C-alpha cells in the first residue's frame, strides 16, 4: 500500500535478501489489517480516549482503553496477538496457523486462555478474501467477505445470521485510511469513523493517529499510539 523506501545499512547480498523477504511479506499479509510497510517483528498499539479536535494531546493525561501486542514471523506474516485492558490484564489472545499459500486459521482465546472460537481465512483471488468463524463445537458463528481493490480493502461484509453489516473503506491520496463507513442490510449508515494521522516513524509507518465516530454522540475521539519493532 504505502510504497515507501526503507534505508538499508547493509551490504549488497543482505540487502537483496531483505528486499526478497519484503516482497514476500507484502504478498502474504493483508495491508489494511495493520497498515504496515516493510518487515515488522512486533507491534504494540495503545488506544486512549482523546479529543479529536484538540491540537495538543498529552498521553500521560489521557485515559487508556486497551493495549494490543502483535507478533509477526520472519517474512512478515501475522502470527499472534494479545489484548490487554486499561489495568494491563489480558482480555483475549489470538494465534495463527498457516496452511497452503496465504490461507490460515486463527484461534481465539478468552482471558483465561480457553479457546473461544476459531476462524478460517481463504484467499479466493487477489481481490477477494473469505473468512468464517466457528464455535468450538463446529457451529458457524459468522462469515466475512473482504473485497480488495488496488491491494487495499474496499468493502468488508459481515454476515451474522440475519444481520448483515458492510464496511466501506475510503483512502487519502497517500493511501492512508481516510474513513470507514458502515451500513446495515437496509442500507442505513450506522457508523462513520474518520481518521487523522499525526506522526510517523522513519520507515513511513504511522505511530500516532486520531479517530472519531460521528454517529456515536458519546465518542469524543480516540488516540492510537504505536511502538513498532523491525
Protein backbone atom coordinates (compact mmCIF):
# COMPACT_ATOMS: atom_id res chain seq x y z
CA UNK A 1 0.00 0.00 0.00
CA UNK A 2 2.25 2.79 1.17
CA UNK A 3 5.16 2.45 -1.23
CA UNK A 4 7.89 4.00 0.91
CA UNK A 5 11.64 3.26 0.73
CA UNK A 6 13.47 1.85 3.76
CA UNK A 7 17.11 2.88 4.14
CA UNK A 8 19.22 -0.26 4.48
CA UNK A 9 22.65 -0.01 6.07
CA UNK A 10 23.60 -3.47 4.86
CA UNK A 11 26.00 -4.92 2.34
CA UNK A 12 24.56 -5.75 -1.08
CA UNK A 13 23.91 -9.51 -0.57
CA UNK A 14 21.98 -8.91 2.64
CA UNK A 15 20.10 -6.04 1.02
CA UNK A 16 18.93 -8.28 -1.82
CA UNK A 17 17.82 -10.91 0.67
CA UNK A 18 15.89 -8.30 2.65
CA UNK A 19 14.11 -6.98 -0.43
CA UNK A 20 13.17 -10.52 -1.46
CA UNK A 21 11.70 -11.15 2.01
CA UNK A 22 9.90 -7.81 1.97
CA UNK A 23 8.19 -8.59 -1.33
CA UNK A 24 7.18 -11.98 0.04
CA UNK A 25 5.76 -10.37 3.16
CA UNK A 26 3.71 -7.94 1.10
CA UNK A 27 2.28 -10.87 -0.84
CA UNK A 28 1.16 -12.74 2.27
CA UNK A 29 -0.15 -10.02 4.57
CA UNK A 30 -3.37 -8.03 4.23
CA UNK A 31 -2.13 -4.44 4.40
CA UNK A 32 -5.28 -2.99 5.90
CA UNK A 33 -5.19 -5.21 8.93
CA UNK A 34 -2.26 -3.32 10.43
CA UNK A 35 -1.29 -0.59 7.94
CA UNK A 36 2.40 -1.50 7.94
CA UNK A 37 5.22 -1.22 5.43
CA UNK A 38 8.28 -3.46 5.48
CA UNK A 39 9.28 -6.36 7.73
CA UNK A 40 7.99 -5.84 11.26
CA UNK A 41 8.75 -8.06 14.28
CA UNK A 42 6.30 -6.68 16.81
CA UNK A 43 3.64 -4.01 17.05
CA UNK A 44 2.40 -2.55 20.36
CA UNK A 45 -0.65 -0.34 19.98
CA UNK A 46 -2.29 1.60 22.81
CA UNK A 47 -5.72 3.22 22.47
CA UNK A 48 -6.70 6.23 24.59
CA UNK A 49 -9.77 8.39 24.91
CA UNK A 50 -8.93 11.74 23.31
CA UNK A 51 -10.44 14.87 21.81
CA UNK A 52 -10.37 14.51 18.02
CA UNK A 53 -10.29 18.32 17.56
CA UNK A 54 -7.54 19.00 20.10
CA UNK A 55 -4.28 20.45 18.79
CA UNK A 56 -2.24 19.46 21.84
CA UNK A 57 -2.60 15.98 23.31
CA UNK A 58 -0.53 14.70 26.24
CA UNK A 59 -0.65 10.94 26.53
CA UNK A 60 0.07 10.89 30.26
CA UNK A 61 -3.12 12.89 30.82
CA UNK A 62 -5.34 10.57 28.77
CA UNK A 63 -7.43 7.57 29.84
CA UNK A 64 -6.02 4.29 28.49
CA UNK A 65 -8.66 1.99 26.98
CA UNK A 66 -6.66 -1.02 25.78
CA UNK A 67 -3.30 -2.29 24.54
CA UNK A 68 -2.81 -4.72 21.65
CA UNK A 69 0.54 -6.51 21.11
CA UNK A 70 1.01 -8.19 17.72
CA UNK A 71 3.83 -10.50 16.60
CA UNK A 72 4.96 -11.39 13.05
CA UNK A 73 7.14 -14.16 11.63
CA UNK A 74 10.38 -13.77 9.65
CA UNK A 75 8.56 -12.97 6.38
CA UNK A 76 6.12 -10.51 7.93
CA UNK A 77 3.06 -12.71 8.47
CA UNK A 78 0.75 -12.10 11.42
CA UNK A 79 1.27 -14.90 13.98
CA UNK A 80 -0.04 -13.82 17.39
CA UNK A 81 -1.82 -11.00 19.22
CA UNK A 82 -2.64 -10.25 22.86
CA UNK A 83 -5.18 -7.68 24.05
CA UNK A 84 -4.82 -6.06 27.49
CA UNK A 85 -7.31 -3.83 29.32
CA UNK A 86 -6.57 -0.50 30.98
CA UNK A 87 -5.29 -2.33 34.08
CA UNK A 88 -2.84 -4.29 31.89
CA UNK A 89 -4.71 -7.57 32.36
CA UNK A 90 -5.15 -9.95 29.43
CA UNK A 91 -8.68 -9.95 27.98
CA UNK A 92 -8.10 -12.08 24.87
CA UNK A 93 -5.44 -13.52 22.56
CA UNK A 94 -5.15 -14.98 19.07
CA UNK A 95 -2.68 -17.36 17.41
CA UNK A 96 -2.46 -18.32 13.74
CA UNK A 97 -1.53 -21.43 11.77
CA UNK A 98 -0.71 -21.08 8.08
CA UNK A 99 -1.78 -23.65 5.54
CA UNK A 100 -1.05 -23.77 1.81
CA UNK A 101 -0.15 -20.40 0.32
CA UNK A 102 -1.72 -17.40 2.05
CA UNK A 103 -4.56 -19.28 3.74
CA UNK A 104 -4.52 -19.65 7.51
CA UNK A 105 -6.52 -20.49 10.61
CA UNK A 106 -6.70 -18.25 13.65
CA UNK A 107 -7.54 -19.46 17.15
CA UNK A 108 -9.18 -17.01 19.57
CA UNK A 109 -8.85 -17.41 23.35
CA UNK A 110 -10.53 -15.66 26.29
CA UNK A 111 -8.79 -14.05 29.26
CA UNK A 112 -8.30 -17.47 30.88
CA UNK A 113 -6.62 -18.80 27.71
CA UNK A 114 -9.61 -21.04 26.92
CA UNK A 115 -10.42 -21.47 23.22
CA UNK A 116 -13.45 -19.33 22.35
CA UNK A 117 -13.70 -19.80 18.59
CA UNK A 118 -11.56 -20.26 15.50
CA UNK A 119 -11.54 -18.67 12.07
CA UNK A 120 -10.55 -19.91 8.63
CA UNK A 121 -9.21 -17.35 6.18
CA UNK A 122 -9.08 -18.23 2.48
CA UNK A 123 -7.66 -16.14 -0.36
CA UNK A 124 -10.01 -16.82 -3.27
CA UNK A 125 -8.21 -14.36 -5.55
CA UNK A 126 -6.07 -11.22 -5.35
CA UNK A 127 -9.28 -9.21 -4.86
CA UNK A 128 -11.34 -11.50 -2.62
CA UNK A 129 -10.75 -12.94 0.86
CA UNK A 130 -13.27 -15.12 2.70
CA UNK A 131 -13.29 -15.69 6.45
CA UNK A 132 -15.53 -17.98 8.50
CA UNK A 133 -15.66 -18.11 12.30
CA UNK A 134 -16.69 -21.29 14.11
CA UNK A 135 -17.59 -22.12 17.71
CA UNK A 136 -15.67 -24.89 19.47
CA UNK A 137 -18.46 -27.34 18.54
CA UNK A 138 -18.02 -26.50 14.84
CA UNK A 139 -21.11 -24.28 14.55
CA UNK A 140 -20.72 -21.37 12.11
CA UNK A 141 -20.86 -18.09 14.05
CA UNK A 142 -20.39 -15.54 11.28
CA UNK A 143 -18.70 -15.04 7.94
CA UNK A 144 -16.73 -12.15 6.46
CA UNK A 145 -16.25 -11.29 2.79
CA UNK A 146 -13.38 -8.93 2.01
CA UNK A 147 -13.15 -7.24 -1.38
CA UNK A 148 -9.85 -5.63 -2.34
CA UNK A 149 -9.09 -3.03 -4.99
CA UNK A 150 -5.56 -1.84 -5.81
CA UNK A 151 -4.29 -4.05 -2.96
CA UNK A 152 -6.49 -2.25 -0.42
CA UNK A 153 -9.66 -3.24 1.37
CA UNK A 154 -12.60 -1.66 -0.44
CA UNK A 155 -15.56 -3.45 1.17
CA UNK A 156 -15.84 -5.81 4.14
CA UNK A 157 -19.20 -7.56 4.65
CA UNK A 158 -20.01 -9.26 7.96
CA UNK A 159 -22.87 -11.78 7.96
CA UNK A 160 -24.13 -12.95 11.36
CA UNK A 161 -27.43 -14.77 10.92
CA UNK A 162 -29.93 -12.20 9.65
CA UNK A 163 -27.60 -9.34 10.50
CA UNK A 164 -25.54 -8.01 7.59
CA UNK A 165 -23.13 -5.09 8.03
CA UNK A 166 -20.94 -3.72 5.23
CA UNK A 167 -17.84 -1.61 5.89
CA UNK A 168 -16.70 0.67 3.05
CA UNK A 169 -13.08 1.91 3.08
CA UNK A 170 -12.08 5.31 1.71
CA UNK A 171 -8.48 6.47 1.34
CA UNK A 172 -6.45 9.64 1.15
CA UNK A 173 -4.18 10.43 -1.80
CA UNK A 174 -1.20 8.88 0.05
CA UNK A 175 -3.21 5.67 0.61
CA UNK A 176 -3.91 6.02 4.33
CA UNK A 177 -7.40 5.18 5.52
CA UNK A 178 -9.46 8.36 5.45
CA UNK A 179 -12.69 6.92 6.82
CA UNK A 180 -14.67 3.71 7.21
CA UNK A 181 -18.43 3.91 6.71
CA UNK A 182 -20.62 1.03 7.92
CA UNK A 183 -24.16 0.38 6.68
CA UNK A 184 -26.65 -2.32 7.66
CA UNK A 185 -28.65 -4.57 5.33
CA UNK A 186 -31.27 -1.80 4.95
CA UNK A 187 -28.51 0.50 3.62
CA UNK A 188 -28.75 2.71 6.72
CA UNK A 189 -25.44 4.21 7.85
CA UNK A 190 -24.67 3.04 11.39
CA UNK A 191 -21.06 4.17 11.72
CA UNK A 192 -18.74 6.72 10.12
CA UNK A 193 -15.22 6.68 11.53
CA UNK A 194 -12.85 9.43 10.40
CA UNK A 195 -9.06 9.17 10.82
CA UNK A 196 -6.33 11.78 11.24
CA UNK A 197 -2.66 10.70 11.07
CA UNK A 198 -0.38 12.87 13.21
CA UNK A 199 3.03 11.12 13.50
CA UNK A 200 5.19 8.62 11.57
CA UNK A 201 8.42 6.72 12.15
CA UNK A 202 11.50 6.78 9.91
CA UNK A 203 10.12 3.89 7.81
CA UNK A 204 6.91 5.74 7.00
CA UNK A 205 4.62 3.74 9.29
CA UNK A 206 2.21 5.78 11.36
CA UNK A 207 2.82 5.81 15.12
CA UNK A 208 0.01 8.18 16.16
CA UNK A 209 -3.46 8.72 14.77
CA UNK A 210 -6.76 10.14 15.94
CA UNK A 211 -10.19 8.73 15.13
CA UNK A 212 -13.79 9.69 15.77
CA UNK A 213 -17.13 8.05 15.05
CA UNK A 214 -19.52 10.83 14.03
CA UNK A 215 -22.53 8.53 14.51
CA UNK A 216 -21.74 7.95 18.19
CA UNK A 217 -22.55 11.06 20.20
CA UNK A 218 -20.61 9.68 23.17
CA UNK A 219 -17.42 9.28 21.14
CA UNK A 220 -15.30 12.42 21.52
CA UNK A 221 -12.41 10.65 19.84
CA UNK A 222 -9.60 8.15 20.33
CA UNK A 223 -5.82 8.34 20.07
CA UNK A 224 -3.86 5.29 18.93
CA UNK A 225 -0.14 5.20 19.74
CA UNK A 226 2.12 2.53 18.25
CA UNK A 227 5.58 1.17 19.06
CA UNK A 228 6.96 -0.75 16.07
CA UNK A 229 9.95 -3.10 16.25
CA UNK A 230 11.74 -4.05 12.99
